[in-house]
Amino acid sequence: MKTAFLFSGQGSQYCGMGKELCSHYPAAAAVFKQASWTLGYDIEGICFADNDRLNLTEYTQPAIVTT
């Protein structure tokens, strides 16, 4: 069996994306922490909070890759 990774495009982001995944899988939460450290800002806070920053391209693209 082969594995494939599919990434949705910009416009598919929504507040709370990845939150349930992080609550069930510690490895997913670790990915968010590593991404935040690498990016230099709290990507988890941007993805999980109800704010307009998630719709800005500079945050949307890293958020989609992180989730």
Protein backbone atom coordinates (compact mmCIF):
# COMPACT_ATOMS: atom_id res chain seq x y z
CA MET A 1 0.00 0.00 0.00
CA LYS A 2 1.32 3.44 -0.90
CA THR A 3 0.87 6.57 1.19
CA ALA A 4 -0.09 9.93 -0.26
CA PHE A 5 -0.33 13.33 1.39
CA LEU A 6 -2.92 15.73 0.01
CA PHE A 7 -2.96 19.40 0.94
CA SER A 8 -6.04 21.48 0.45
CA GLY A 9 -5.60 24.92 -1.02
CA GLN A 10 -6.05 28.38 0.35
CA GLY A 11 -9.66 29.10 1.14
CA SER A 12 -10.19 25.78 2.91
CA GLN A 13 -8.98 27.10 6.27
CA TYR A 14 -11.40 27.53 9.16
CA CYS A 15 -11.17 28.51 12.81
CA GLY A 16 -10.48 25.47 14.93
CA MET A 17 -8.85 23.39 12.20
CA GLY A 18 -6.56 20.81 13.75
CA LYS A 19 -7.87 21.38 17.28
CA GLU A 20 -9.66 18.03 17.58
CA LEU A 21 -6.67 16.24 16.07
CA CYS A 22 -4.36 17.82 18.68
CA SER A 23 -6.70 16.90 21.52
CA HIS A 24 -6.61 13.21 20.54
CA TYR A 25 -3.03 12.79 19.32
CA PRO A 26 -0.01 14.15 21.22
CA ALA A 27 2.09 13.83 18.06
CA ALA A 28 -0.21 16.31 16.30
CA ALA A 29 0.09 18.75 19.20
CA ALA A 30 3.87 18.40 18.97
CA VAL A 31 3.73 19.36 15.28
CA PHE A 32 1.92 22.59 16.20
CA LYS A 33 4.50 23.37 18.89
CA GLN A 34 7.38 22.73 16.48
CA ALA A 35 5.72 24.82 13.77
CA SER A 36 5.21 27.69 16.22
CA TRP A 37 8.86 27.55 17.25
CA THR A 38 10.02 27.44 13.62
CA LEU A 39 7.71 30.24 12.46
CA GLY A 40 8.38 32.45 15.47
CA TYR A 41 4.69 32.94 16.27
CA ASP A 42 1.85 30.93 17.81
CA ILE A 43 0.32 29.09 14.86
CA GLU A 44 -1.87 27.08 17.25
CA GLY A 45 -3.37 30.29 18.59
CA ILE A 46 -4.05 31.49 15.06
CA CYS A 47 -5.67 28.20 13.98
CA PHE A 48 -7.71 27.63 17.12
CA ALA A 49 -8.87 31.19 17.86
CA ASP A 50 -11.75 32.97 16.21
CA ASN A 51 -9.89 35.80 14.51
CA ASP A 52 -9.24 37.27 11.08
CA ARG A 53 -5.50 36.54 11.02
CA LEU A 54 -6.15 33.01 9.76
CA ASN A 55 -7.49 34.48 6.52
CA LEU A 56 -4.31 36.46 5.83
CA THR A 57 -2.09 34.63 3.34
CA GLU A 58 1.00 34.98 5.53
CA TYR A 59 -0.77 32.89 8.19
CA THR A 60 -3.05 30.78 5.99
CA GLN A 61 -0.30 28.96 4.12
CA PRO A 62 1.68 27.85 7.22
CA ALA A 63 -1.58 26.92 8.97
CA ILE A 64 -2.65 24.64 6.14
CA VAL A 65 0.73 22.91 6.02
CA THR A 66 0.77 22.51 9.81
CA THR A 67 -2.65 20.89 9.91
